[in-house]
Amino acid sequence: MSEKIQIKRALISVSDKTGVSEFARELALLGVEICSTGGTAAKLRDEGIDVVDVSSITGYPEIMGGRVKTLHPRIHGGLLALRTNAEHMRELKETDGVAIDLLVANLYPFEATVAGGGTPKDCIENIDIGGPAMIRAAAKNHQHVVVATDPEDYAPIIKELKGAGDVSGKIRQRLALKAFALTSYYDSAVSAWFRSQSGEKFPKNFTLGGRLHSKLRYGENPHQEAAFYAYGDAPGGLASAQLVQGKALSYNNINDADAAVQLIAEFSNDDPTVAIIKHANPCGVASAQTGVDAYEYALRCDSVSAFGGIVTTNCKLDRTLAEKITEIFTEVVIAPGADSDAISVFAQKKNLRLLLLNELPDPNIRGTAIQQVSSGFLLQDRDFCTVDEATLKVVTKRAPSIQEMSDLLFANKVAKHVKSNAIVYVKNQATVGIGAGQMSRLDSSRIAAQKSQDAADKSGAADTLAKGSVVASDAFFPFADGLLAAAAAGATAVIQPGGSIRDDDVIAAADDAGLAMVFTGVRHFRH
């Protein structure tokens, strides 16, 4: 990689024409011959830049509406010939080929076409063939050829040429990496579209592409390097969020914020709802008539854990709600909007990050969830399943009251987003105790009950907040002990998937305790 190269000829063929005219003009001033195709050639000529048509090199016109224009031995020979290999150079001359020292190329806007609702025909026509082939050829031969696939590459290349008269081997290698990463990402996007069209979820080979969103200060811990990559164009994701104030999000911030956004998206915009997240688990969730009331009820559930947490809401932030949130230390606030008064309140807390989302993700949209393991990764459908009253099965002698049923559905939504084993107590559309991530469901029940008692003690209430509540479990109760612990804590109704071989024993215990219980038939493990 140490040998110098002299750029005499550049082939420019780009879909994204940002900055290309300025770049080509600089190259021309340095004595570089510019070759080009179709629309790119026309644009450069309009800018007064001399251009050699690719067809004059290949001796063949563009055909099939431009589908075939650079797929020719004289082009690929010019990109792939090893300049230090006499045989290569002899063959290049004998075939009337010319050496191409710089390739400037990017690809048809396939992703944008898909995201814009393009027809299958439109999407297929925007699958680039010649571009990836040239880019891969130039990148493979980066020992002798410079490849530029991004307008951000143009200025550094010109700086190198004006300085040393060469593009260093280190930069050529970096550009080659960037080129192969681009074609790999592009093919991943095409593959994902074909999967969606065919309905085949698990092909023999599965690829995942991502675009660098931001480099992070460090990962989960300071000794781990990290970055945030975005993929796909689904609305409501953190990649599209506006950071209004505060320093850049950390790895843990992003992980927790994603958990917060996925949870809050479960709740209708008709009911102001607030969720407080800590270590990817909710420590309080509530719906109320106003955002302020919802926040106060959510905070009451576990005000100790809420310190340094993430607050998310499905309603627009105003001054009153902003003032309430800033009464304790909060890392991140996420909302679909904020008025100027709210923003001015948050501005007084310089370390608080305020994120605004144009829209929340749709919890019912099917998608893919990926979990890395030591020898690969696990792939599954995301947990898009939701339940409503019509799908529930009452299994006890007593059916839930109207208020109990409303709270049961609320509790089930929250439990779906709590690490397993998950137990969630809810009263009047607000969590009053959450037990998360325990190895035993009984321990989760006890912890949730203790959290409820702690909240009661802190607020000066005479009884545990769980008294008169309902309880949700993310999976079935394998024994009656967890259920009885919930009853002892004051719960009057239970929602759970059912499906245990001891369901009859659990139902009998619920009847003996005077509990109402419904089965959902849907488990919500979250690891």
Protein backbone atom coordinates (compact mmCIF):
# COMPACT_ATOMS: atom_id res chain seq x y z
CA MET A 1 0.00 0.00 0.00
CA SER A 2 3.01 2.31 0.05
CA GLU A 3 3.36 2.85 -3.73
CA LYS A 4 2.23 6.17 -5.10
CA ILE A 5 -0.46 6.34 -7.77
CA GLN A 6 -1.05 9.04 -10.30
CA ILE A 7 -4.66 9.84 -11.07
CA LYS A 8 -4.96 10.50 -14.78
CA ARG A 9 -8.51 9.34 -15.42
CA ALA A 10 -11.69 9.33 -13.31
CA LEU A 11 -14.98 7.62 -14.02
CA ILE A 12 -17.91 9.44 -12.42
CA SER A 13 -21.34 7.80 -12.34
CA VAL A 14 -23.55 8.88 -9.43
CA SER A 15 -27.18 8.82 -8.47
CA ASP A 16 -26.69 11.29 -5.61
CA LYS A 17 -25.12 14.26 -7.39
CA THR A 18 -24.43 16.31 -4.27
CA GLY A 19 -21.15 18.16 -4.74
CA VAL A 20 -20.18 16.17 -7.81
CA SER A 21 -19.83 19.17 -10.14
CA GLU A 22 -17.47 20.97 -7.77
CA PHE A 23 -15.45 17.78 -7.30
CA ALA A 24 -15.21 17.13 -11.04
CA ARG A 25 -14.14 20.73 -11.68
CA GLU A 26 -11.33 20.43 -9.13
CA LEU A 27 -10.21 17.18 -10.76
CA ALA A 28 -10.24 18.74 -14.19
CA LEU A 29 -8.09 21.63 -12.95
CA LEU A 30 -5.60 19.01 -11.76
CA GLY A 31 -5.45 17.57 -15.28
CA VAL A 32 -7.64 14.54 -14.65
CA GLU A 33 -9.69 13.27 -17.60
CA ILE A 34 -13.36 12.91 -16.64
CA CYS A 35 -15.40 9.99 -18.00
CA SER A 36 -19.07 9.68 -17.22
CA THR A 37 -22.46 8.17 -18.00
CA GLY A 38 -26.00 9.32 -18.73
CA GLY A 39 -27.43 11.90 -16.35
CA THR A 40 -24.13 12.51 -14.61
CA ALA A 41 -22.40 13.34 -17.90
CA ALA A 42 -25.22 15.70 -18.86
CA LYS A 43 -25.00 17.53 -15.54
CA LEU A 44 -21.25 17.93 -15.75
CA ARG A 45 -21.47 19.27 -19.32
CA ASP A 46 -24.13 21.73 -18.20
CA GLU A 47 -21.59 22.93 -15.63
CA GLY A 48 -19.04 23.49 -18.38
CA ILE A 49 -16.88 20.49 -17.56
CA ASP A 50 -15.37 18.43 -20.40
CA VAL A 51 -16.60 14.85 -20.24
CA VAL A 52 -15.72 11.69 -22.17
CA ASP A 53 -18.74 9.39 -22.61
CA VAL A 54 -18.25 5.86 -21.27
CA SER A 55 -19.67 4.59 -24.55
CA SER A 56 -16.63 5.99 -26.35
CA ILE A 57 -14.44 3.77 -24.14
CA THR A 58 -16.55 0.65 -24.46
CA GLY A 59 -17.39 1.23 -28.12
CA TYR A 60 -20.90 0.24 -27.22
CA PRO A 61 -23.97 2.40 -26.53
CA GLU A 62 -26.03 2.26 -23.36
CA ILE A 63 -28.83 -0.23 -23.90
CA MET A 64 -32.06 -1.41 -22.27
CA GLY A 65 -32.93 2.02 -20.93
CA GLY A 66 -29.60 2.35 -19.14
CA ARG A 67 -29.72 -1.08 -17.51
CA VAL A 68 -26.47 -1.90 -19.29
CA LYS A 69 -23.82 0.79 -19.69
CA THR A 70 -20.73 0.08 -17.56
CA LEU A 71 -20.87 -3.72 -17.53
CA HIS A 72 -18.07 -4.09 -20.06
CA PRO A 73 -14.54 -5.63 -20.06
CA ARG A 74 -12.95 -2.30 -20.97
CA ILE A 75 -14.47 -0.67 -17.89
CA HIS A 76 -13.81 -3.49 -15.46
CA GLY A 77 -10.43 -4.19 -16.97
CA GLY A 78 -9.54 -0.54 -16.42
CA LEU A 79 -10.59 -0.83 -12.77
CA LEU A 80 -9.11 -4.25 -11.99
CA ALA A 81 -5.79 -4.19 -13.86
CA LEU A 82 -2.80 -4.40 -11.55
CA ARG A 83 -0.55 -1.59 -12.72
CA THR A 84 2.54 -3.51 -11.56
CA ASN A 85 1.55 -6.62 -13.52
CA ALA A 86 2.99 -6.47 -17.05
CA GLU A 87 0.59 -9.12 -18.35
CA HIS A 88 -2.43 -7.18 -17.06
CA MET A 89 -1.23 -3.98 -18.69
CA ARG A 90 -0.48 -5.76 -21.97
CA GLU A 91 -3.99 -7.26 -22.06
CA LEU A 92 -5.53 -3.92 -21.21
CA LYS A 93 -3.75 -2.32 -24.17
CA GLU A 94 -4.55 -5.17 -26.56
CA THR A 95 -8.27 -4.89 -25.74
CA ASP A 96 -8.25 -1.11 -26.23
CA GLY A 97 -8.99 -0.64 -22.54
CA VAL A 98 -7.86 2.35 -20.48
CA ALA A 99 -6.74 2.50 -16.89
CA ILE A 100 -9.29 4.09 -14.56
CA ASP A 101 -7.52 5.52 -11.52
CA LEU A 102 -10.47 7.02 -9.66
CA LEU A 103 -14.03 5.74 -9.49
CA VAL A 104 -16.70 8.08 -8.18
CA ALA A 105 -19.95 6.17 -7.79
CA ASN A 106 -22.96 5.80 -5.54
CA LEU A 107 -26.07 3.74 -5.95
CA TYR A 108 -29.66 4.00 -7.12
CA PRO A 109 -32.00 5.14 -4.30
CA PHE A 110 -33.46 1.72 -3.57
CA GLU A 111 -34.25 2.35 0.11
CA ALA A 112 -35.87 5.71 -0.63
CA THR A 113 -38.03 4.08 -3.31
CA VAL A 114 -39.22 1.41 -0.89
CA ALA A 115 -39.81 3.94 1.90
CA GLY A 116 -41.76 6.14 -0.50
CA GLY A 117 -44.21 3.34 -1.25
CA GLY A 118 -42.81 2.47 -4.66
CA THR A 119 -44.47 -0.30 -6.63
CA PRO A 120 -42.62 -3.62 -6.94
CA LYS A 121 -41.69 -2.58 -10.49
CA ASP A 122 -40.25 0.73 -9.25
CA CYS A 123 -38.31 -1.02 -6.50
CA ILE A 124 -36.83 -3.56 -8.89
CA GLU A 125 -35.80 -0.86 -11.37
CA ASN A 126 -33.96 0.87 -8.52
CA ILE A 127 -31.81 -2.15 -7.76
CA ASP A 128 -28.39 -1.02 -8.96
CA ILE A 129 -26.29 -3.61 -10.79
CA GLY A 130 -23.50 -1.76 -12.59
CA GLY A 131 -22.76 0.53 -9.66
CA PRO A 132 -22.02 -2.20 -7.08
CA ALA A 133 -20.01 -4.13 -9.66
CA MET A 134 -17.75 -1.15 -10.38
CA ILE A 135 -17.45 -0.17 -6.73
CA ARG A 136 -16.42 -3.69 -5.72
CA ALA A 137 -13.90 -3.85 -8.57
CA ALA A 138 -12.30 -0.53 -7.66
CA ALA A 139 -12.27 -1.38 -3.94
CA LYS A 140 -10.67 -4.74 -4.61
CA ASN A 141 -7.93 -2.98 -6.58
CA HIS A 142 -7.51 -0.14 -4.06
CA GLN A 143 -3.76 -0.72 -4.26
CA HIS A 144 -3.94 1.11 -7.60
CA VAL A 145 -7.41 2.71 -7.71
CA VAL A 146 -9.18 5.27 -5.51
CA VAL A 147 -12.90 4.71 -4.92
CA ALA A 148 -15.21 7.47 -3.69
CA THR A 149 -18.77 6.44 -2.75
CA ASP A 150 -19.82 9.36 -0.57
CA PRO A 151 -19.81 13.15 -1.20
CA GLU A 152 -17.98 13.43 2.13
CA ASP A 153 -15.02 11.72 0.43
CA TYR A 154 -14.52 14.43 -2.18
CA ALA A 155 -12.81 17.14 -0.14
CA PRO A 156 -10.24 14.81 1.49
CA ILE A 157 -9.31 13.39 -1.91
CA ILE A 158 -8.78 16.85 -3.41
CA LYS A 159 -6.73 17.87 -0.37
CA GLU A 160 -4.50 14.84 -0.84
CA LEU A 161 -4.07 15.47 -4.56
CA LYS A 162 -3.26 19.14 -4.07
CA GLY A 163 -0.84 18.32 -1.28
CA ALA A 164 1.17 15.18 -1.95
CA GLY A 165 -0.14 14.73 -5.50
CA ASP A 166 -1.33 11.28 -4.42
CA VAL A 167 -4.01 9.65 -2.30
CA SER A 168 -2.21 7.77 0.46
CA GLY A 169 -2.45 4.03 0.80
CA LYS A 170 -4.08 4.42 4.22
CA ILE A 171 -6.87 6.58 2.81
CA ARG A 172 -7.33 4.27 -0.20
CA GLN A 173 -7.77 1.36 2.20
CA ARG A 174 -10.27 3.30 4.32
CA LEU A 175 -12.23 4.23 1.19
CA ALA A 176 -12.21 0.59 0.08
CA LEU A 177 -13.64 -0.47 3.45
CA LYS A 178 -16.32 2.19 3.08
CA ALA A 179 -17.09 0.96 -0.42
CA PHE A 180 -17.51 -2.69 0.54
CA ALA A 181 -19.58 -1.69 3.58
CA LEU A 182 -21.85 0.32 1.26
CA THR A 183 -22.43 -2.50 -1.22
CA SER A 184 -23.00 -4.96 1.63
CA TYR A 185 -25.52 -2.61 3.25
CA TYR A 186 -27.23 -2.05 -0.09
CA ASP A 187 -27.55 -5.77 -0.74
CA SER A 188 -28.94 -6.22 2.79
CA ALA A 189 -31.65 -3.66 2.06
CA VAL A 190 -32.54 -5.42 -1.21
CA SER A 191 -32.58 -8.79 0.53
CA ALA A 192 -34.84 -7.44 3.29
CA TRP A 193 -37.28 -6.14 0.68
CA PHE A 194 -37.37 -9.50 -1.09
CA ARG A 195 -38.01 -11.19 2.27
CA SER A 196 -40.95 -8.88 2.84
CA GLN A 197 -42.30 -9.59 -0.64
CA SER A 198 -41.91 -13.36 -0.43
CA GLY A 199 -42.95 -13.78 3.20
CA GLU A 200 -39.88 -15.92 3.90
CA LYS A 201 -38.65 -14.85 7.32
CA PHE A 202 -35.70 -17.15 7.75
CA PRO A 203 -33.72 -17.64 4.52
CA LYS A 204 -30.61 -19.79 4.46
CA ASN A 205 -28.44 -16.68 4.63
CA PHE A 206 -29.56 -13.64 6.60
CA THR A 207 -27.87 -10.24 6.39
CA LEU A 208 -28.39 -7.16 8.49
CA GLY A 209 -27.38 -3.69 7.34
CA GLY A 210 -27.03 -0.56 9.43
CA ARG A 211 -26.06 3.08 8.87
CA LEU A 212 -23.83 4.78 11.41
CA HIS A 213 -25.98 7.20 13.36
CA SER A 214 -23.42 8.26 15.94
CA LYS A 215 -20.28 7.13 17.70
CA LEU A 216 -20.76 6.89 21.45
CA ARG A 217 -18.43 7.93 24.25
CA TYR A 218 -18.31 4.30 25.37
CA GLY A 219 -20.53 1.26 25.66
CA GLU A 220 -22.36 -0.32 28.55
CA ASN A 221 -19.20 0.27 30.59
CA PRO A 222 -16.33 2.76 30.06
CA HIS A 223 -13.88 0.09 28.83
CA GLN A 224 -16.23 -0.88 25.94
CA GLU A 225 -16.25 1.04 22.64
CA ALA A 226 -19.65 1.56 21.04
CA ALA A 227 -21.66 3.17 18.26
CA PHE A 228 -25.34 3.53 17.34
CA TYR A 229 -26.41 2.15 13.96
CA ALA A 230 -29.81 2.70 12.41
CA TYR A 231 -31.50 0.42 9.93
CA GLY A 232 -34.75 0.49 8.01
CA ASP A 233 -37.08 3.46 7.70
CA ALA A 234 -39.77 2.55 10.25
CA PRO A 235 -41.22 5.72 11.83
CA GLY A 236 -41.04 6.44 15.52
CA GLY A 237 -37.52 5.19 16.16
CA LEU A 238 -34.82 6.93 18.18
CA ALA A 239 -32.70 7.44 15.06
CA SER A 240 -35.20 10.05 13.88
CA ALA A 241 -35.59 11.78 17.25
CA GLN A 242 -34.60 15.43 17.66
CA LEU A 243 -32.16 16.08 20.50
CA VAL A 244 -33.33 19.51 21.65
CA GLN A 245 -30.80 19.90 24.44
CA GLY A 246 -28.24 18.04 26.50
CA LYS A 247 -25.12 16.09 25.63
CA ALA A 248 -25.19 13.16 23.24
CA LEU A 249 -26.98 10.02 24.37
CA SER A 250 -24.89 7.23 25.83
CA TYR A 251 -25.20 3.52 25.04
CA ASN A 252 -27.25 2.96 28.20
CA ASN A 253 -29.38 6.05 27.50
CA ILE A 254 -30.27 4.72 24.05
CA ASN A 255 -31.03 1.24 25.35
CA ASP A 256 -33.27 2.58 28.11
CA ALA A 257 -34.87 5.19 25.84
CA ASP A 258 -35.80 2.50 23.33
CA ALA A 259 -37.50 0.49 26.08
CA ALA A 260 -39.34 3.65 27.14
CA VAL A 261 -40.54 4.47 23.61
CA GLN A 262 -41.74 0.93 22.96
CA LEU A 263 -43.72 0.91 26.21
CA ILE A 264 -45.36 4.33 25.86
CA ALA A 265 -46.42 3.47 22.31
CA GLU A 266 -48.80 0.85 23.77
CA PHE A 267 -51.07 3.58 25.16
CA SER A 268 -53.63 5.63 23.29
CA ASN A 269 -52.96 9.33 22.78
CA ASP A 270 -56.46 9.94 24.15
CA ASP A 271 -55.17 9.17 27.65
CA PRO A 272 -52.15 11.19 28.81
CA THR A 273 -49.68 8.53 29.95
CA VAL A 274 -46.25 8.75 31.56
CA ALA A 275 -43.69 6.00 32.01
CA ILE A 276 -40.51 6.21 34.05
CA ILE A 277 -37.76 3.78 33.01
CA LYS A 278 -34.63 2.64 34.82
CA HIS A 279 -32.22 0.02 33.44
CA ALA A 280 -34.70 -0.80 30.65
CA ASN A 281 -37.46 -1.62 33.18
CA PRO A 282 -40.45 0.57 34.00
CA CYS A 283 -40.48 1.68 37.62
CA GLY A 284 -43.76 3.54 37.22
CA VAL A 285 -46.47 3.93 34.57
CA ALA A 286 -49.75 5.80 34.82
CA SER A 287 -52.56 7.27 32.75
CA ALA A 288 -54.65 10.20 34.01
CA GLN A 289 -56.67 13.24 32.94
CA THR A 290 -53.52 15.36 32.65
CA GLY A 291 -49.86 14.71 32.01
CA VAL A 292 -48.97 16.15 35.42
CA ASP A 293 -51.31 13.76 37.23
CA ALA A 294 -49.99 10.84 35.18
CA TYR A 295 -46.42 11.77 36.09
CA GLU A 296 -47.20 12.07 39.80
CA TYR A 297 -48.94 8.68 39.86
CA ALA A 298 -46.10 7.06 37.92
CA LEU A 299 -43.50 8.59 40.23
CA ARG A 300 -45.39 7.46 43.33
CA CYS A 301 -44.95 3.81 42.33
CA ASP A 302 -41.18 3.88 42.95
CA SER A 303 -39.79 7.37 43.48
CA VAL A 304 -36.44 6.01 44.69
CA SER A 305 -35.70 4.09 41.47
CA ALA A 306 -36.96 6.99 39.35
CA PHE A 307 -33.94 9.09 40.35
CA GLY A 308 -31.65 9.32 37.32
CA GLY A 309 -34.17 7.56 35.13
CA ILE A 310 -35.85 8.24 31.78
CA VAL A 311 -39.29 9.84 31.55
CA THR A 312 -41.45 9.36 28.49
CA THR A 313 -44.95 10.55 27.71
CA ASN A 314 -47.43 10.24 24.87
CA CYS A 315 -48.62 13.84 25.31
CA LYS A 316 -47.06 17.20 24.53
CA LEU A 317 -44.93 18.68 27.29
CA ASP A 318 -46.04 21.98 28.85
CA ARG A 319 -44.49 24.16 31.54
CA THR A 320 -46.33 22.54 34.45
CA LEU A 321 -45.31 19.02 33.48
CA ALA A 322 -41.74 20.11 32.74
CA GLU A 323 -41.46 21.73 36.17
CA LYS A 324 -42.70 18.54 37.84
CA ILE A 325 -40.26 16.34 35.93
CA THR A 326 -37.30 18.56 36.79
CA GLU A 327 -37.99 18.39 40.53
CA ILE A 328 -35.77 15.28 40.62
CA PHE A 329 -32.68 14.35 38.63
CA THR A 330 -33.72 12.90 35.29
CA GLU A 331 -31.36 11.68 32.55
CA VAL A 332 -33.64 11.82 29.51
CA VAL A 333 -37.14 13.09 28.72
CA ILE A 334 -38.89 11.79 25.60
CA ALA A 335 -42.14 13.18 24.21
CA PRO A 336 -43.96 13.69 20.92
CA GLY A 337 -43.69 17.46 21.38
CA ALA A 338 -42.99 20.33 23.76
CA ASP A 339 -44.09 23.97 23.86
CA SER A 340 -41.62 26.81 24.22
CA ASP A 341 -42.34 27.22 27.94
CA ALA A 342 -41.51 23.57 28.61
CA ILE A 343 -38.30 23.83 26.59
CA SER A 344 -37.26 26.90 28.60
CA VAL A 345 -37.79 24.97 31.85
CA PHE A 346 -35.66 22.05 30.67
CA ALA A 347 -32.99 24.47 29.44
CA GLN A 348 -32.22 25.26 33.08
CA LYS A 349 -31.08 21.64 33.50
CA LYS A 350 -28.06 21.56 31.20
CA ASN A 351 -27.32 17.85 31.66
CA LEU A 352 -30.89 16.72 30.96
CA ARG A 353 -31.43 15.37 27.44
CA LEU A 354 -34.71 16.31 25.81
CA LEU A 355 -35.75 14.13 22.86
CA LEU A 356 -38.74 14.89 20.67
CA LEU A 357 -40.27 12.26 18.39
CA ASN A 358 -42.49 13.18 15.47
CA GLU A 359 -44.45 10.00 16.08
CA LEU A 360 -44.34 6.92 18.24
CA PRO A 361 -43.78 3.46 16.75
CA ASP A 362 -46.82 1.31 16.06
CA PRO A 363 -46.74 -1.59 18.58
CA ASN A 364 -48.88 -3.73 16.28
CA ILE A 365 -46.53 -3.65 13.29
CA ARG A 366 -44.72 -6.91 12.72
CA GLY A 367 -40.96 -6.61 12.75
CA THR A 368 -37.79 -8.51 13.55
CA ALA A 369 -36.04 -8.75 16.90
CA ILE A 370 -32.38 -9.77 17.02
CA GLN A 371 -30.36 -10.98 19.99
CA GLN A 372 -26.65 -11.65 19.71
CA VAL A 373 -25.20 -14.80 21.27
CA SER A 374 -21.62 -16.00 21.41
CA SER A 375 -21.73 -17.97 18.15
CA GLY A 376 -24.21 -15.92 16.16
CA PHE A 377 -27.57 -14.30 16.72
CA LEU A 378 -31.17 -15.25 17.44
CA LEU A 379 -33.87 -13.97 15.13
CA GLN A 380 -37.57 -13.77 15.93
CA ASP A 381 -40.74 -11.77 15.35
CA ARG A 382 -40.92 -8.77 17.66
CA ASP A 383 -43.59 -9.12 20.35
CA PHE A 384 -46.33 -7.33 18.43
CA CYS A 385 -49.22 -9.22 20.02
CA THR A 386 -51.76 -7.31 22.10
CA VAL A 387 -54.91 -8.45 23.86
CA ASP A 388 -58.26 -6.83 24.49
CA GLU A 389 -61.28 -7.68 26.59
CA ALA A 390 -62.88 -9.73 23.81
CA THR A 391 -59.91 -12.13 23.70
CA LEU A 392 -59.78 -12.76 27.46
CA LYS A 393 -61.13 -15.90 29.12
CA VAL A 394 -62.61 -15.63 32.61
CA VAL A 395 -61.56 -18.81 34.46
CA THR A 396 -62.74 -18.08 38.02
CA LYS A 397 -66.20 -18.11 39.58
CA ARG A 398 -66.09 -14.34 39.88
CA ALA A 399 -65.63 -12.20 36.78
CA PRO A 400 -63.70 -8.93 37.01
CA SER A 401 -65.63 -5.72 37.59
CA ILE A 402 -65.53 -2.98 34.95
CA GLN A 403 -62.79 -1.14 36.86
CA GLU A 404 -60.83 -4.32 37.45
CA MET A 405 -61.00 -5.24 33.77
CA SER A 406 -59.72 -1.80 32.75
CA ASP A 407 -56.84 -2.08 35.19
CA LEU A 408 -56.07 -5.66 34.14
CA LEU A 409 -55.61 -4.61 30.52
CA PHE A 410 -53.41 -1.70 31.63
CA ALA A 411 -51.31 -4.02 33.81
CA ASN A 412 -50.88 -6.50 30.99
CA LYS A 413 -49.54 -3.79 28.68
CA VAL A 414 -46.94 -2.81 31.26
CA ALA A 415 -45.97 -6.40 32.08
CA LYS A 416 -45.17 -6.96 28.41
CA HIS A 417 -42.31 -4.46 28.81
CA VAL A 418 -40.94 -5.64 32.17
CA LYS A 419 -38.00 -8.05 32.27
CA SER A 420 -39.05 -11.59 33.13
CA ASN A 421 -40.15 -12.81 35.55
CA ALA A 422 -42.56 -9.86 35.64
CA ILE A 423 -45.27 -9.04 38.18
CA VAL A 424 -47.16 -5.74 37.91
CA TYR A 425 -49.74 -4.31 40.34
CA VAL A 426 -52.10 -1.64 38.96
CA LYS A 427 -54.80 0.44 40.59
CA ASN A 428 -56.85 3.11 38.82
CA GLN A 429 -54.66 3.04 35.68
CA ALA A 430 -51.41 3.45 37.59
CA THR A 431 -48.78 0.94 38.60
CA VAL A 432 -48.46 0.59 42.37
CA GLY A 433 -45.81 -2.14 42.45
CA ILE A 434 -43.50 -3.77 39.90
CA GLY A 435 -41.33 -6.87 40.36
CA ALA A 436 -38.85 -7.43 37.53
CA GLY A 437 -36.15 -9.81 36.38
CA GLN A 438 -36.22 -12.36 39.18
CA MET A 439 -35.39 -16.02 38.80
CA SER A 440 -38.54 -16.95 40.75
CA ARG A 441 -42.01 -15.61 39.98
CA LEU A 442 -42.74 -15.79 43.70
CA ASP A 443 -39.79 -13.47 44.37
CA SER A 444 -41.10 -11.03 41.74
CA SER A 445 -44.50 -11.10 43.49
CA ARG A 446 -42.88 -10.38 46.84
CA ILE A 447 -40.70 -7.58 45.47
CA ALA A 448 -43.67 -5.93 43.74
CA ALA A 449 -45.65 -6.12 46.97
CA GLN A 450 -42.74 -4.65 48.94
CA LYS A 451 -42.42 -1.82 46.42
CA SER A 452 -46.11 -1.11 46.95
CA GLN A 453 -45.64 -1.02 50.71
CA ASP A 454 -42.59 1.23 50.39
CA ALA A 455 -44.58 3.66 48.24
CA ALA A 456 -47.38 3.68 50.81
CA ASP A 457 -44.95 4.37 53.63
CA LYS A 458 -43.35 7.22 51.65
CA SER A 459 -46.71 8.83 50.90
CA GLY A 460 -48.07 8.29 54.42
CA ALA A 461 -50.89 6.02 53.24
CA ALA A 462 -52.49 3.81 55.87
CA ASP A 463 -52.49 0.70 53.68
CA THR A 464 -50.23 -0.74 51.02
CA LEU A 465 -50.97 0.79 47.62
CA ALA A 466 -51.58 -2.72 46.31
CA LYS A 467 -54.73 -3.06 48.40
CA GLY A 468 -57.62 -3.20 45.95
CA SER A 469 -55.29 -3.46 42.97
CA VAL A 470 -55.08 -5.97 40.14
CA VAL A 471 -51.98 -7.93 39.19
CA ALA A 472 -50.49 -9.02 35.86
CA SER A 473 -47.98 -11.79 35.26
CA ASP A 474 -46.03 -12.04 32.01
CA ALA A 475 -46.21 -15.87 32.13
CA PHE A 476 -48.32 -18.46 33.90
CA PHE A 477 -48.09 -19.13 37.61
CA PRO A 478 -46.47 -22.58 37.84
CA PHE A 479 -47.71 -22.87 41.42
CA ALA A 480 -50.36 -21.13 43.47
CA ASP A 481 -47.77 -19.53 45.80
CA GLY A 482 -47.10 -16.51 43.56
CA LEU A 483 -50.82 -15.93 43.14
CA LEU A 484 -51.41 -16.19 46.89
CA ALA A 485 -48.61 -13.72 47.53
CA ALA A 486 -50.44 -11.27 45.27
CA ALA A 487 -53.70 -11.89 47.12
CA ALA A 488 -51.94 -11.34 50.45
CA ALA A 489 -50.64 -8.03 49.13
CA GLY A 490 -54.21 -6.90 48.46
CA ALA A 491 -54.82 -7.76 44.80
CA THR A 492 -58.41 -8.57 43.86
CA ALA A 493 -58.00 -9.70 40.24
CA VAL A 494 -55.35 -11.39 38.12
CA ILE A 495 -54.41 -11.45 34.44
CA GLN A 496 -52.01 -14.10 33.17
CA PRO A 497 -51.47 -16.24 30.06
CA GLY A 498 -52.47 -19.58 31.59
CA GLY A 499 -51.11 -22.81 30.16
CA SER A 500 -49.53 -24.42 33.22
CA ILE A 501 -50.14 -28.09 33.97
CA ARG A 502 -51.27 -26.82 37.38
CA ASP A 503 -53.76 -24.27 36.05
CA ASP A 504 -56.60 -26.05 37.84
CA ASP A 505 -54.79 -25.75 41.17
CA VAL A 506 -54.08 -22.05 40.56
CA ILE A 507 -57.72 -21.40 39.56
CA ALA A 508 -58.95 -23.20 42.66
CA ALA A 509 -56.63 -21.10 44.84
CA ALA A 510 -57.94 -17.94 43.16
CA ASP A 511 -61.51 -18.98 43.84
CA ASP A 512 -60.73 -19.75 47.48
CA ALA A 513 -59.17 -16.29 47.83
CA GLY A 514 -62.16 -14.60 46.15
CA LEU A 515 -60.03 -13.40 43.22
CA ALA A 516 -61.25 -12.81 39.69
CA MET A 517 -58.82 -14.19 37.11
CA VAL A 518 -58.61 -14.03 33.32
CA PHE A 519 -56.33 -15.87 30.91
CA THR A 520 -54.89 -14.13 27.84
CA GLY A 521 -53.35 -17.15 26.12
CA VAL A 522 -50.38 -14.91 25.26
CA ARG A 523 -47.05 -15.03 27.09
CA HIS A 524 -44.82 -11.95 27.17
CA PHE A 525 -41.35 -13.10 28.22
CA ARG A 526 -38.79 -10.31 27.88
CA HIS A 527 -35.15 -11.23 28.41
